[in-house]
Amino acid sequence: MREIDRYSYELGVMDCFCEMVASGMKTLAMSHPCRDREEFRSYEPAAEELCRKYGIFLYPEEDPIITDLFPASMNLGTGHYLFYREEETLRQYLQLKADQKAAREAGGYDEKKREEIAFRLGHLLSYPDEGIRRYIRRTREMGG
């Protein structure tokens, strides 16, 4: 089998996500997490080109929201590219981050609030409720 280099693989994933967002299948899509900031930035010109190709928007997220939807160890200290069709989607994502921060600062980031935040992110990603529950359960079983 022919080996696929990481850069090409990640751009292929982004292309697929861009097509899904452009078609309306997903409201928001996130690239895979990237720990290395230089590597993360190296994708940006190609990601911008993909967004032009599909007529969608790109947001380089260097401080992604951490929820029970995915293991924190997978996302802490990483960067993601967010792909979306409507500016309202980015506004909702940023509001979600602000709401999470406010709950933490107020000491109200309990299990109920954590689940609410994870569900809101899951819905932005166009996941069905059962899929969100499965992801949360798996993340918690892995120890967050």
C-alpha atoms as a PDB file:
ATOM      1  CA  MET A   1       0.000   0.000   0.000  1.00  0.00           C
ATOM      2  CA  ARG A   2       1.223   3.479  -0.852  1.00  0.00           C
ATOM      3  CA  GLU A   3       2.052   5.700   2.125  1.00  0.00           C
ATOM      4  CA  ILE A   4       0.140   8.983   2.440  1.00  0.00           C
ATOM      5  CA  ASP A   5       2.024  11.897   3.933  1.00  0.00           C
ATOM      6  CA  ARG A   6       0.406  13.652   6.902  1.00  0.00           C
ATOM      7  CA  TYR A   7      -0.016  17.021   5.154  1.00  0.00           C
ATOM      8  CA  SER A   8      -1.922  15.495   2.234  1.00  0.00           C
ATOM      9  CA  TYR A   9      -4.038  13.372   4.544  1.00  0.00           C
ATOM     10  CA  GLU A  10      -5.052  16.342   6.719  1.00  0.00           C
ATOM     11  CA  LEU A  11      -5.947  18.432   3.660  1.00  0.00           C
ATOM     12  CA  GLY A  12      -8.029  15.546   2.331  1.00  0.00           C
ATOM     13  CA  VAL A  13      -9.933  15.468   5.609  1.00  0.00           C
ATOM     14  CA  MET A  14     -10.438  19.236   5.436  1.00  0.00           C
ATOM     15  CA  ASP A  15     -11.689  18.961   1.857  1.00  0.00           C
ATOM     16  CA  CYS A  16     -14.273  16.401   2.933  1.00  0.00           C
ATOM     17  CA  PHE A  17     -15.408  18.573   5.847  1.00  0.00           C
ATOM     18  CA  CYS A  18     -15.652  21.623   3.579  1.00  0.00           C
ATOM     19  CA  GLU A  19     -17.856  19.728   1.148  1.00  0.00           C
ATOM     20  CA  MET A  20     -20.083  18.565   4.017  1.00  0.00           C
ATOM     21  CA  VAL A  21     -20.456  22.137   5.318  1.00  0.00           C
ATOM     22  CA  ALA A  22     -21.074  23.559   1.836  1.00  0.00           C
ATOM     23  CA  SER A  23     -23.788  20.964   1.167  1.00  0.00           C
ATOM     24  CA  GLY A  24     -25.548  21.762   4.441  1.00  0.00           C
ATOM     25  CA  MET A  25     -24.836  18.329   5.879  1.00  0.00           C
ATOM     26  CA  LYS A  26     -22.873  19.937   8.715  1.00  0.00           C
ATOM     27  CA  THR A  27     -23.321  23.391  10.239  1.00  0.00           C
ATOM     28  CA  LEU A  28     -19.793  23.453  11.638  1.00  0.00           C
ATOM     29  CA  ALA A  29     -16.811  21.199  11.043  1.00  0.00           C
ATOM     30  CA  MET A  30     -13.445  21.150  12.794  1.00  0.00           C
ATOM     31  CA  SER A  31     -10.198  19.928  11.336  1.00  0.00           C
ATOM     32  CA  HIS A  32      -8.234  17.388  13.302  1.00  0.00           C
ATOM     33  CA  PRO A  33      -6.347  18.904  16.239  1.00  0.00           C
ATOM     34  CA  CYS A  34      -2.778  19.992  15.551  1.00  0.00           C
ATOM     35  CA  ARG A  35      -0.258  20.459  18.388  1.00  0.00           C
ATOM     36  CA  ASP A  36       2.576  22.034  16.430  1.00  0.00           C
ATOM     37  CA  ARG A  37       1.775  25.713  15.754  1.00  0.00           C
ATOM     38  CA  GLU A  38       4.100  25.939  12.750  1.00  0.00           C
ATOM     39  CA  GLU A  39       2.521  22.858  11.199  1.00  0.00           C
ATOM     40  CA  PHE A  40      -0.951  24.229  12.030  1.00  0.00           C
ATOM     41  CA  ARG A  41      -0.232  27.505  10.240  1.00  0.00           C
ATOM     42  CA  SER A  42       1.224  25.651   7.247  1.00  0.00           C
ATOM     43  CA  TYR A  43      -2.255  24.349   6.412  1.00  0.00           C
ATOM     44  CA  GLU A  44      -3.895  27.773   6.370  1.00  0.00           C
ATOM     45  CA  PRO A  45      -3.282  28.786   2.713  1.00  0.00           C
ATOM     46  CA  ALA A  46      -4.639  25.456   1.467  1.00  0.00           C
ATOM     47  CA  ALA A  47      -7.569  25.593   3.931  1.00  0.00           C
ATOM     48  CA  GLU A  48      -8.401  29.106   2.689  1.00  0.00           C
ATOM     49  CA  GLU A  49      -8.332  27.829  -0.893  1.00  0.00           C
ATOM     50  CA  LEU A  50     -10.685  24.984   0.018  1.00  0.00           C
ATOM     51  CA  CYS A  51     -13.095  27.474   1.567  1.00  0.00           C
ATOM     52  CA  ARG A  52     -13.029  29.607  -1.587  1.00  0.00           C
ATOM     53  CA  LYS A  53     -13.650  26.482  -3.672  1.00  0.00           C
ATOM     54  CA  TYR A  54     -16.712  25.541  -1.598  1.00  0.00           C
ATOM     55  CA  GLY A  55     -17.951  29.061  -0.828  1.00  0.00           C
ATOM     56  CA  ILE A  56     -17.663  28.724   2.954  1.00  0.00           C
ATOM     57  CA  PHE A  57     -15.734  30.396   5.767  1.00  0.00           C
ATOM     58  CA  LEU A  58     -12.639  29.505   7.776  1.00  0.00           C
ATOM     59  CA  TYR A  59     -11.752  30.388  11.360  1.00  0.00           C
ATOM     60  CA  PRO A  60      -8.298  29.401  12.659  1.00  0.00           C
ATOM     61  CA  GLU A  61      -8.995  28.392  16.279  1.00  0.00           C
ATOM     62  CA  GLU A  62      -5.838  28.387  18.357  1.00  0.00           C
ATOM     63  CA  ASP A  63      -7.663  28.032  21.687  1.00  0.00           C
ATOM     64  CA  PRO A  64     -10.390  25.442  21.019  1.00  0.00           C
ATOM     65  CA  ILE A  65     -13.221  24.776  23.407  1.00  0.00           C
ATOM     66  CA  ILE A  66     -12.645  21.695  25.559  1.00  0.00           C
ATOM     67  CA  THR A  67     -15.806  19.739  26.348  1.00  0.00           C
ATOM     68  CA  ASP A  68     -16.821  16.224  27.306  1.00  0.00           C
ATOM     69  CA  LEU A  69     -17.525  15.553  23.633  1.00  0.00           C
ATOM     70  CA  PHE A  70     -13.858  14.704  23.002  1.00  0.00           C
ATOM     71  CA  PRO A  71     -11.011  13.816  25.388  1.00  0.00           C
ATOM     72  CA  ALA A  72      -9.269  16.914  26.720  1.00  0.00           C
ATOM     73  CA  SER A  73      -5.913  15.209  26.149  1.00  0.00           C
ATOM     74  CA  MET A  74      -6.698  15.142  22.435  1.00  0.00           C
ATOM     75  CA  ASN A  75      -7.454  18.888  22.230  1.00  0.00           C
ATOM     76  CA  LEU A  76      -5.572  20.806  24.942  1.00  0.00           C
ATOM     77  CA  GLY A  77      -2.892  23.025  23.472  1.00  0.00           C
ATOM     78  CA  THR A  78      -3.916  22.347  19.883  1.00  0.00           C
ATOM     79  CA  GLY A  79      -5.218  24.338  16.963  1.00  0.00           C
ATOM     80  CA  HIS A  80      -8.200  23.535  14.761  1.00  0.00           C
ATOM     81  CA  TYR A  81      -9.635  25.069  11.650  1.00  0.00           C
ATOM     82  CA  LEU A  82     -13.352  25.700  11.885  1.00  0.00           C
ATOM     83  CA  PHE A  83     -15.368  25.487   8.671  1.00  0.00           C
ATOM     84  CA  TYR A  84     -18.845  27.029   8.460  1.00  0.00           C
ATOM     85  CA  ARG A  85     -21.324  28.512   5.960  1.00  0.00           C
ATOM     86  CA  GLU A  86     -23.066  31.149   8.064  1.00  0.00           C
ATOM     87  CA  GLU A  87     -21.472  33.854  10.227  1.00  0.00           C
ATOM     88  CA  GLU A  88     -24.127  33.035  12.843  1.00  0.00           C
ATOM     89  CA  THR A  89     -22.470  29.639  13.304  1.00  0.00           C
ATOM     90  CA  LEU A  90     -19.167  31.234  14.302  1.00  0.00           C
ATOM     91  CA  ARG A  91     -21.037  33.616  16.612  1.00  0.00           C
ATOM     92  CA  GLN A  92     -22.733  30.642  18.306  1.00  0.00           C
ATOM     93  CA  TYR A  93     -19.407  28.816  18.693  1.00  0.00           C
ATOM     94  CA  LEU A  94     -17.735  31.863  20.251  1.00  0.00           C
ATOM     95  CA  GLN A  95     -20.759  32.405  22.520  1.00  0.00           C
ATOM     96  CA  LEU A  96     -20.506  28.790  23.614  1.00  0.00           C
ATOM     97  CA  LYS A  97     -16.871  29.343  24.603  1.00  0.00           C
ATOM     98  CA  ALA A  98     -17.844  32.512  26.498  1.00  0.00           C
ATOM     99  CA  ASP A  99     -20.688  30.714  28.290  1.00  0.00           C
ATOM    100  CA  GLN A 100     -18.358  27.908  29.332  1.00  0.00           C
ATOM    101  CA  LYS A 101     -15.784  30.404  30.629  1.00  0.00           C
ATOM    102  CA  ALA A 102     -18.441  32.335  32.571  1.00  0.00           C
ATOM    103  CA  ALA A 103     -19.778  29.130  34.150  1.00  0.00           C
ATOM    104  CA  ARG A 104     -16.262  28.125  35.208  1.00  0.00           C
ATOM    105  CA  GLU A 105     -15.516  31.551  36.662  1.00  0.00           C
ATOM    106  CA  ALA A 106     -18.816  31.550  38.570  1.00  0.00           C
ATOM    107  CA  GLY A 107     -18.094  28.072  39.966  1.00  0.00           C
ATOM    108  CA  GLY A 108     -21.087  26.638  38.135  1.00  0.00           C
ATOM    109  CA  TYR A 109     -19.379  24.310  35.694  1.00  0.00           C
ATOM    110  CA  ASP A 110     -20.906  21.210  37.228  1.00  0.00           C
ATOM    111  CA  GLU A 111     -21.795  17.953  35.467  1.00  0.00           C
ATOM    112  CA  LYS A 112     -25.142  19.314  34.235  1.00  0.00           C
ATOM    113  CA  LYS A 113     -23.520  22.416  32.738  1.00  0.00           C
ATOM    114  CA  ARG A 114     -20.696  20.340  31.234  1.00  0.00           C
ATOM    115  CA  GLU A 115     -23.247  18.146  29.503  1.00  0.00           C
ATOM    116  CA  GLU A 116     -25.196  21.181  28.247  1.00  0.00           C
ATOM    117  CA  ILE A 117     -22.038  22.697  26.758  1.00  0.00           C
ATOM    118  CA  ALA A 118     -21.056  19.385  25.138  1.00  0.00           C
ATOM    119  CA  PHE A 119     -24.545  19.019  23.637  1.00  0.00           C
ATOM    120  CA  ARG A 120     -24.491  22.568  22.287  1.00  0.00           C
ATOM    121  CA  LEU A 121     -21.145  21.903  20.603  1.00  0.00           C
ATOM    122  CA  GLY A 122     -22.389  18.571  19.295  1.00  0.00           C
ATOM    123  CA  HIS A 123     -25.450  20.245  17.802  1.00  0.00           C
ATOM    124  CA  LEU A 124     -23.250  22.865  16.104  1.00  0.00           C
ATOM    125  CA  LEU A 125     -21.290  19.950  14.628  1.00  0.00           C
ATOM    126  CA  SER A 126     -24.635  18.505  13.428  1.00  0.00           C
ATOM    127  CA  TYR A 127     -24.317  15.353  15.521  1.00  0.00           C
ATOM    128  CA  PRO A 128     -27.521  13.536  16.508  1.00  0.00           C
ATOM    129  CA  ASP A 129     -28.326  13.392  20.235  1.00  0.00           C
ATOM    130  CA  GLU A 130     -27.488   9.673  20.470  1.00  0.00           C
ATOM    131  CA  GLY A 131     -24.117  10.308  18.844  1.00  0.00           C
ATOM    132  CA  ILE A 132     -23.423  13.117  21.313  1.00  0.00           C
ATOM    133  CA  ARG A 133     -24.341  10.831  24.229  1.00  0.00           C
ATOM    134  CA  ARG A 134     -22.005   8.141  22.854  1.00  0.00           C
ATOM    135  CA  TYR A 135     -19.110  10.599  22.529  1.00  0.00           C
ATOM    136  CA  ILE A 136     -19.670  11.983  26.036  1.00  0.00           C
ATOM    137  CA  ARG A 137     -19.858   8.461  27.493  1.00  0.00           C
ATOM    138  CA  ARG A 138     -16.669   7.407  25.684  1.00  0.00           C
ATOM    139  CA  THR A 139     -14.821  10.551  26.802  1.00  0.00           C
ATOM    140  CA  ARG A 140     -15.856  10.040  30.417  1.00  0.00           C
ATOM    141  CA  GLU A 141     -14.868   6.356  30.305  1.00  0.00           C
ATOM    142  CA  MET A 142     -11.438   7.458  29.066  1.00  0.00           C
ATOM    143  CA  GLY A 143     -11.147   9.804  32.030  1.00  0.00           C
ATOM    144  CA  GLY A 144     -11.967  13.031  30.175  1.00  0.00           C
END
